[in-house]
Amino acid sequence: MKTVLLRGGPVGLHRVHRVAGSELPEKVTVAYYGLHVHFVPTGDVEVVDGDELPVFQWSYSTAIAE
């Protein structure tokens, strides 16, 4: 598991997020109140609670199909 920092997107979304795998993904997608919220890597790193986390920036949102 990798931990990343999400920047932008919905106000209530948790900013520290865990993703599966040992490699950083090309995109992070989070389900949030009927939406898929998509984030892309910025190449930046921020320190959160002493850990250096890669930063992913909000890119766009899509509705979750039922």
N, C-alpha and C. Protein backbone atom coordinates (compact mmCIF):
# COMPACT_ATOMS: atom_id res chain seq x y z
N MET A 1 0.84 -1.19 0.00
CA MET A 1 0.00 0.00 0.00
C MET A 1 0.89 1.25 0.00
N LYS A 2 0.45 2.24 -0.75
CA LYS A 2 1.13 3.54 -0.77
C LYS A 2 0.16 4.58 -0.23
N THR A 3 0.68 5.58 0.43
CA THR A 3 -0.12 6.68 0.93
C THR A 3 0.19 7.91 0.11
N VAL A 4 -0.87 8.62 -0.34
CA VAL A 4 -0.71 9.80 -1.17
C VAL A 4 -1.51 10.96 -0.57
N LEU A 5 -1.19 12.16 -0.99
CA LEU A 5 -1.91 13.35 -0.56
C LEU A 5 -2.72 13.86 -1.74
N LEU A 6 -4.04 14.05 -1.51
CA LEU A 6 -4.93 14.54 -2.56
C LEU A 6 -5.13 16.04 -2.40
N ARG A 7 -4.98 16.77 -3.49
CA ARG A 7 -5.11 18.22 -3.48
C ARG A 7 -6.28 18.60 -4.40
N GLY A 8 -7.18 19.44 -3.93
CA GLY A 8 -8.34 19.85 -4.72
C GLY A 8 -9.48 18.86 -4.55
N GLY A 9 -10.50 18.99 -5.39
CA GLY A 9 -11.67 18.11 -5.31
C GLY A 9 -12.66 18.56 -4.27
N PRO A 10 -13.63 17.69 -3.91
CA PRO A 10 -14.67 18.06 -2.95
C PRO A 10 -14.11 18.45 -1.59
N VAL A 11 -14.79 19.38 -0.93
CA VAL A 11 -14.33 19.91 0.36
C VAL A 11 -14.24 18.84 1.43
N GLY A 12 -15.17 17.91 1.52
CA GLY A 12 -15.20 16.93 2.60
C GLY A 12 -14.35 15.69 2.38
N LEU A 13 -13.65 15.61 1.27
CA LEU A 13 -12.85 14.43 0.95
C LEU A 13 -11.59 14.38 1.81
N HIS A 14 -11.28 13.20 2.36
CA HIS A 14 -10.05 13.05 3.14
C HIS A 14 -8.84 13.27 2.24
N ARG A 15 -7.90 14.05 2.68
CA ARG A 15 -6.74 14.43 1.86
C ARG A 15 -5.65 13.38 1.84
N VAL A 16 -5.51 12.61 2.91
CA VAL A 16 -4.51 11.54 2.94
C VAL A 16 -5.24 10.26 2.53
N HIS A 17 -4.74 9.59 1.49
CA HIS A 17 -5.45 8.45 0.91
C HIS A 17 -4.46 7.31 0.66
N ARG A 18 -4.91 6.08 0.92
CA ARG A 18 -4.07 4.90 0.67
C ARG A 18 -4.50 4.24 -0.63
N VAL A 19 -3.52 3.85 -1.43
CA VAL A 19 -3.79 3.16 -2.69
C VAL A 19 -3.09 1.80 -2.67
N ALA A 20 -3.69 0.84 -3.35
CA ALA A 20 -3.14 -0.52 -3.39
C ALA A 20 -1.88 -0.56 -4.25
N GLY A 21 -1.01 -1.49 -3.93
CA GLY A 21 0.20 -1.70 -4.72
C GLY A 21 1.42 -1.01 -4.15
N SER A 22 2.57 -1.37 -4.68
CA SER A 22 3.82 -0.79 -4.20
C SER A 22 4.31 0.34 -5.10
N GLU A 23 3.74 0.46 -6.30
CA GLU A 23 4.09 1.52 -7.25
C GLU A 23 3.04 2.61 -7.22
N LEU A 24 3.45 3.84 -7.53
CA LEU A 24 2.47 4.92 -7.64
C LEU A 24 1.64 4.73 -8.90
N PRO A 25 0.33 4.88 -8.79
CA PRO A 25 -0.52 4.73 -9.98
C PRO A 25 -0.43 5.96 -10.88
N GLU A 26 -0.88 5.81 -12.13
CA GLU A 26 -0.93 6.94 -13.07
C GLU A 26 -2.07 7.88 -12.71
N LYS A 27 -3.08 7.35 -12.00
CA LYS A 27 -4.24 8.14 -11.60
C LYS A 27 -4.82 7.52 -10.34
N VAL A 28 -5.38 8.34 -9.45
CA VAL A 28 -6.08 7.86 -8.27
C VAL A 28 -7.55 8.22 -8.44
N THR A 29 -8.43 7.23 -8.24
CA THR A 29 -9.87 7.46 -8.34
C THR A 29 -10.49 7.12 -7.00
N VAL A 30 -11.31 8.05 -6.46
CA VAL A 30 -11.94 7.88 -5.17
C VAL A 30 -13.45 7.99 -5.34
N ALA A 31 -14.21 7.03 -4.81
CA ALA A 31 -15.67 7.12 -4.81
C ALA A 31 -16.08 8.09 -3.69
N TYR A 32 -16.94 9.05 -4.04
CA TYR A 32 -17.34 10.07 -3.07
C TYR A 32 -18.75 10.56 -3.39
N TYR A 33 -19.73 10.19 -2.56
CA TYR A 33 -21.11 10.63 -2.68
C TYR A 33 -21.65 10.59 -4.12
N GLY A 34 -21.59 9.42 -4.74
CA GLY A 34 -22.15 9.24 -6.07
C GLY A 34 -21.25 9.68 -7.20
N LEU A 35 -20.03 10.06 -6.88
CA LEU A 35 -19.07 10.48 -7.89
C LEU A 35 -17.82 9.62 -7.83
N HIS A 36 -17.14 9.51 -8.96
CA HIS A 36 -15.75 9.06 -8.98
C HIS A 36 -14.93 10.33 -9.14
N VAL A 37 -14.08 10.61 -8.18
CA VAL A 37 -13.24 11.81 -8.21
C VAL A 37 -11.84 11.36 -8.63
N HIS A 38 -11.31 11.96 -9.69
CA HIS A 38 -10.05 11.52 -10.30
C HIS A 38 -8.93 12.52 -10.02
N PHE A 39 -7.76 11.99 -9.67
CA PHE A 39 -6.58 12.79 -9.34
C PHE A 39 -5.39 12.29 -10.15
N VAL A 40 -4.52 13.20 -10.56
CA VAL A 40 -3.31 12.85 -11.32
C VAL A 40 -2.08 13.34 -10.54
N PRO A 41 -0.95 12.66 -10.71
CA PRO A 41 0.25 13.04 -9.96
C PRO A 41 0.80 14.39 -10.42
N THR A 42 1.33 15.15 -9.46
CA THR A 42 1.91 16.46 -9.78
C THR A 42 3.43 16.41 -9.85
N GLY A 43 4.02 15.38 -9.25
CA GLY A 43 5.48 15.32 -9.13
C GLY A 43 5.96 15.98 -7.85
N ASP A 44 5.04 16.64 -7.14
CA ASP A 44 5.38 17.28 -5.86
C ASP A 44 5.33 16.25 -4.72
N VAL A 45 6.00 16.59 -3.63
CA VAL A 45 5.98 15.80 -2.40
C VAL A 45 5.74 16.76 -1.25
N GLU A 46 4.85 16.38 -0.33
CA GLU A 46 4.61 17.18 0.88
C GLU A 46 4.81 16.30 2.10
N VAL A 47 5.30 16.90 3.18
CA VAL A 47 5.51 16.18 4.43
C VAL A 47 4.24 16.29 5.28
N VAL A 48 3.68 15.13 5.65
CA VAL A 48 2.49 15.07 6.50
C VAL A 48 2.82 14.13 7.65
N ASP A 49 2.77 14.64 8.87
CA ASP A 49 3.09 13.86 10.07
C ASP A 49 4.43 13.14 9.95
N GLY A 50 5.41 13.82 9.36
CA GLY A 50 6.76 13.28 9.24
C GLY A 50 6.98 12.37 8.05
N ASP A 51 5.93 12.09 7.27
CA ASP A 51 6.06 11.23 6.09
C ASP A 51 6.02 12.07 4.83
N GLU A 52 6.89 11.76 3.87
CA GLU A 52 6.87 12.43 2.57
C GLU A 52 5.85 11.72 1.68
N LEU A 53 4.81 12.46 1.29
CA LEU A 53 3.74 11.87 0.49
C LEU A 53 3.72 12.49 -0.90
N PRO A 54 3.59 11.67 -1.95
CA PRO A 54 3.44 12.20 -3.29
C PRO A 54 2.08 12.91 -3.39
N VAL A 55 2.05 14.03 -4.12
CA VAL A 55 0.83 14.83 -4.23
C VAL A 55 0.12 14.51 -5.55
N PHE A 56 -1.20 14.27 -5.45
CA PHE A 56 -2.06 14.07 -6.61
C PHE A 56 -3.07 15.21 -6.64
N GLN A 57 -3.24 15.85 -7.78
CA GLN A 57 -4.12 17.00 -7.97
C GLN A 57 -5.44 16.57 -8.60
N TRP A 58 -6.56 17.14 -8.12
CA TRP A 58 -7.87 16.86 -8.70
C TRP A 58 -7.84 17.19 -10.18
N SER A 59 -8.41 16.30 -10.98
CA SER A 59 -8.44 16.47 -12.42
C SER A 59 -9.88 16.64 -12.92
N TYR A 60 -10.76 15.71 -12.53
CA TYR A 60 -12.16 15.79 -12.94
C TYR A 60 -12.98 14.79 -12.12
N SER A 61 -14.30 14.91 -12.20
CA SER A 61 -15.21 13.99 -11.52
C SER A 61 -16.20 13.43 -12.54
N THR A 62 -16.65 12.19 -12.29
CA THR A 62 -17.66 11.57 -13.13
C THR A 62 -18.71 10.94 -12.22
N ALA A 63 -19.93 10.82 -12.71
CA ALA A 63 -20.99 10.17 -11.96
C ALA A 63 -20.76 8.67 -11.95
N ILE A 64 -21.08 8.03 -10.82
CA ILE A 64 -20.99 6.58 -10.72
C ILE A 64 -22.23 6.00 -11.40
N ALA A 65 -22.03 5.14 -12.38
CA ALA A 65 -23.15 4.51 -13.08
C ALA A 65 -23.73 3.41 -12.21
N GLU A 66 -25.03 3.32 -12.19
CA GLU A 66 -25.68 2.27 -11.38
C GLU A 66 -26.05 1.08 -12.22
